């Protein structure tokens, strides 16, 4: 669960959340994504970013207003 203040939804906070999700994706799926890109010629960085954005939707957020 991620606790946020409603006033902290700045661009910087959004980027920080995306970086956190990207690290989580790298921890969970780095080898499988690399293997997929090697076989299919995909862009590894772009695919990691797409998976990180998907990961953001799986988190539970608590907003303090």
N, C-alpha and C. Protein backbone atom coordinates (compact mmCIF):
# COMPACT_ATOMS: atom_id res chain seq x y z
N UNK A 1 0.83 -1.15 0.00
CA UNK A 1 0.00 0.00 0.00
C UNK A 1 0.89 1.24 0.00
N UNK A 2 0.56 2.18 -0.81
CA UNK A 2 1.34 3.41 -0.93
C UNK A 2 0.52 4.56 -0.35
N UNK A 3 1.08 5.24 0.62
CA UNK A 3 0.39 6.36 1.26
C UNK A 3 0.87 7.67 0.63
N UNK A 4 -0.06 8.46 0.16
CA UNK A 4 0.24 9.74 -0.48
C UNK A 4 -0.65 10.83 0.09
N UNK A 5 -0.13 12.01 0.13
CA UNK A 5 -0.96 13.18 0.40
C UNK A 5 -1.50 13.66 -0.93
N UNK A 6 -2.73 14.11 -0.93
CA UNK A 6 -3.35 14.56 -2.17
C UNK A 6 -2.54 15.68 -2.82
N UNK A 7 -1.91 16.51 -2.01
CA UNK A 7 -1.14 17.64 -2.54
C UNK A 7 0.20 17.21 -3.14
N UNK A 8 0.59 15.95 -2.99
CA UNK A 8 1.88 15.47 -3.49
C UNK A 8 1.80 14.85 -4.88
N UNK A 9 0.75 15.08 -5.61
CA UNK A 9 0.63 14.49 -6.94
C UNK A 9 1.24 15.39 -8.01
N UNK A 10 2.40 15.90 -7.71
CA UNK A 10 3.12 16.75 -8.65
C UNK A 10 3.78 15.88 -9.72
N UNK A 11 4.34 16.50 -10.71
CA UNK A 11 5.06 15.78 -11.76
C UNK A 11 6.22 14.98 -11.16
N UNK A 12 6.90 15.57 -10.19
CA UNK A 12 8.02 14.88 -9.55
C UNK A 12 7.56 13.61 -8.84
N UNK A 13 6.43 13.67 -8.14
CA UNK A 13 5.91 12.51 -7.43
C UNK A 13 5.46 11.44 -8.42
N UNK A 14 4.86 11.84 -9.52
CA UNK A 14 4.45 10.88 -10.54
C UNK A 14 5.66 10.17 -11.13
N UNK A 15 6.72 10.90 -11.38
CA UNK A 15 7.95 10.29 -11.89
C UNK A 15 8.57 9.35 -10.87
N UNK A 16 8.50 9.72 -9.59
CA UNK A 16 9.04 8.86 -8.54
C UNK A 16 8.25 7.55 -8.45
N UNK A 17 6.92 7.65 -8.56
CA UNK A 17 6.09 6.45 -8.55
C UNK A 17 6.38 5.56 -9.75
N UNK A 18 6.60 6.17 -10.91
CA UNK A 18 6.93 5.41 -12.10
C UNK A 18 8.27 4.71 -11.95
N UNK A 19 9.25 5.39 -11.37
CA UNK A 19 10.57 4.78 -11.14
C UNK A 19 10.46 3.61 -10.16
N UNK A 20 9.63 3.77 -9.14
CA UNK A 20 9.43 2.69 -8.18
C UNK A 20 8.80 1.48 -8.87
N UNK A 21 7.82 1.72 -9.72
CA UNK A 21 7.17 0.63 -10.45
C UNK A 21 8.14 -0.02 -11.42
N UNK A 22 8.99 0.77 -12.05
CA UNK A 22 9.97 0.21 -12.98
C UNK A 22 10.96 -0.70 -12.25
N UNK A 23 11.40 -0.29 -11.07
CA UNK A 23 12.30 -1.13 -10.28
C UNK A 23 11.62 -2.43 -9.90
N UNK A 24 10.34 -2.35 -9.58
CA UNK A 24 9.58 -3.54 -9.23
C UNK A 24 9.48 -4.48 -10.43
N UNK A 25 9.21 -3.93 -11.60
CA UNK A 25 9.13 -4.73 -12.83
C UNK A 25 10.48 -5.37 -13.13
N UNK A 26 11.56 -4.60 -12.99
CA UNK A 26 12.89 -5.15 -13.23
C UNK A 26 13.18 -6.31 -12.29
N UNK A 27 12.77 -6.16 -11.05
CA UNK A 27 13.00 -7.22 -10.06
C UNK A 27 12.22 -8.49 -10.43
N UNK A 28 10.98 -8.32 -10.89
CA UNK A 28 10.12 -9.48 -11.16
C UNK A 28 10.33 -10.09 -12.54
N UNK A 29 10.50 -9.26 -13.58
CA UNK A 29 10.40 -9.76 -14.95
C UNK A 29 11.58 -9.45 -15.85
N UNK A 30 12.70 -9.00 -15.30
CA UNK A 30 13.80 -8.54 -16.14
C UNK A 30 14.27 -9.62 -17.12
N UNK A 31 14.48 -10.82 -16.65
CA UNK A 31 14.99 -11.88 -17.52
C UNK A 31 13.98 -12.27 -18.60
N UNK A 32 12.72 -12.38 -18.24
CA UNK A 32 11.72 -12.77 -19.23
C UNK A 32 11.50 -11.68 -20.27
N UNK A 33 11.56 -10.41 -19.86
CA UNK A 33 11.40 -9.32 -20.83
C UNK A 33 12.60 -9.27 -21.76
N UNK A 34 13.79 -9.47 -21.21
CA UNK A 34 15.00 -9.48 -22.04
C UNK A 34 14.94 -10.63 -23.05
N UNK A 35 14.51 -11.79 -22.60
CA UNK A 35 14.38 -12.95 -23.48
C UNK A 35 13.36 -12.68 -24.59
N UNK A 36 12.23 -12.07 -24.24
CA UNK A 36 11.20 -11.75 -25.22
C UNK A 36 11.75 -10.78 -26.26
N UNK A 37 12.47 -9.76 -25.81
CA UNK A 37 13.02 -8.76 -26.75
C UNK A 37 14.08 -9.38 -27.66
N UNK A 38 14.88 -10.28 -27.12
CA UNK A 38 15.89 -10.94 -27.94
C UNK A 38 15.25 -11.79 -29.03
N UNK A 39 14.18 -12.49 -28.69
CA UNK A 39 13.51 -13.37 -29.66
C UNK A 39 12.72 -12.59 -30.70
N UNK A 40 12.06 -11.50 -30.27
CA UNK A 40 11.14 -10.79 -31.15
C UNK A 40 11.63 -9.43 -31.63
N UNK A 41 12.83 -9.04 -31.23
CA UNK A 41 13.40 -7.79 -31.70
C UNK A 41 12.75 -6.55 -31.15
N UNK A 42 12.16 -6.62 -29.96
CA UNK A 42 11.50 -5.46 -29.37
C UNK A 42 12.48 -4.54 -28.68
N UNK A 43 12.00 -3.38 -28.33
CA UNK A 43 12.78 -2.39 -27.60
C UNK A 43 12.65 -2.67 -26.11
N UNK A 44 13.73 -3.07 -25.48
CA UNK A 44 13.72 -3.47 -24.07
C UNK A 44 13.27 -2.33 -23.17
N UNK A 45 13.80 -1.13 -23.35
CA UNK A 45 13.47 0.01 -22.50
C UNK A 45 11.99 0.39 -22.63
N UNK A 46 11.49 0.39 -23.83
CA UNK A 46 10.09 0.75 -24.06
C UNK A 46 9.16 -0.27 -23.41
N UNK A 47 9.50 -1.52 -23.53
CA UNK A 47 8.68 -2.57 -22.94
C UNK A 47 8.72 -2.50 -21.41
N UNK A 48 9.87 -2.18 -20.84
CA UNK A 48 9.99 -2.03 -19.39
C UNK A 48 9.11 -0.87 -18.91
N UNK A 49 9.11 0.23 -19.66
CA UNK A 49 8.28 1.38 -19.29
C UNK A 49 6.79 1.04 -19.37
N UNK A 50 6.39 0.31 -20.40
CA UNK A 50 4.99 -0.07 -20.55
C UNK A 50 4.55 -0.98 -19.40
N UNK A 51 5.40 -1.92 -19.03
CA UNK A 51 5.08 -2.81 -17.93
C UNK A 51 5.05 -2.06 -16.60
N UNK A 52 5.90 -1.05 -16.44
CA UNK A 52 5.90 -0.25 -15.21
C UNK A 52 4.59 0.53 -15.09
N UNK A 53 4.09 1.06 -16.20
CA UNK A 53 2.82 1.78 -16.17
C UNK A 53 1.69 0.83 -15.81
N UNK A 54 1.72 -0.38 -16.35
CA UNK A 54 0.71 -1.37 -15.98
C UNK A 54 0.80 -1.70 -14.49
N UNK A 55 2.02 -1.78 -13.98
CA UNK A 55 2.23 -2.12 -12.57
C UNK A 55 1.63 -1.04 -11.66
N UNK A 56 1.65 0.22 -12.09
CA UNK A 56 1.08 1.30 -11.29
C UNK A 56 -0.40 1.06 -10.98
N UNK A 57 -1.10 0.41 -11.90
CA UNK A 57 -2.52 0.17 -11.72
C UNK A 57 -2.80 -0.99 -10.77
N UNK A 58 -1.79 -1.75 -10.39
CA UNK A 58 -2.00 -2.87 -9.47
C UNK A 58 -1.75 -2.49 -8.02
N UNK A 59 -1.17 -1.33 -7.78
CA UNK A 59 -0.88 -0.90 -6.41
C UNK A 59 -2.13 -0.39 -5.73
N UNK A 60 -2.13 -0.51 -4.42
CA UNK A 60 -3.20 0.09 -3.60
C UNK A 60 -2.69 1.41 -3.06
N UNK A 61 -3.44 2.46 -3.27
CA UNK A 61 -3.05 3.80 -2.84
C UNK A 61 -3.98 4.26 -1.72
N UNK A 62 -3.42 4.96 -0.77
CA UNK A 62 -4.18 5.60 0.30
C UNK A 62 -3.87 7.07 0.23
N UNK A 63 -4.92 7.88 0.04
CA UNK A 63 -4.74 9.32 -0.08
C UNK A 63 -5.17 9.99 1.21
N UNK A 64 -4.29 10.82 1.73
CA UNK A 64 -4.60 11.64 2.89
C UNK A 64 -4.93 13.04 2.39
N UNK A 65 -6.14 13.47 2.66
CA UNK A 65 -6.58 14.78 2.17
C UNK A 65 -6.65 15.74 3.33
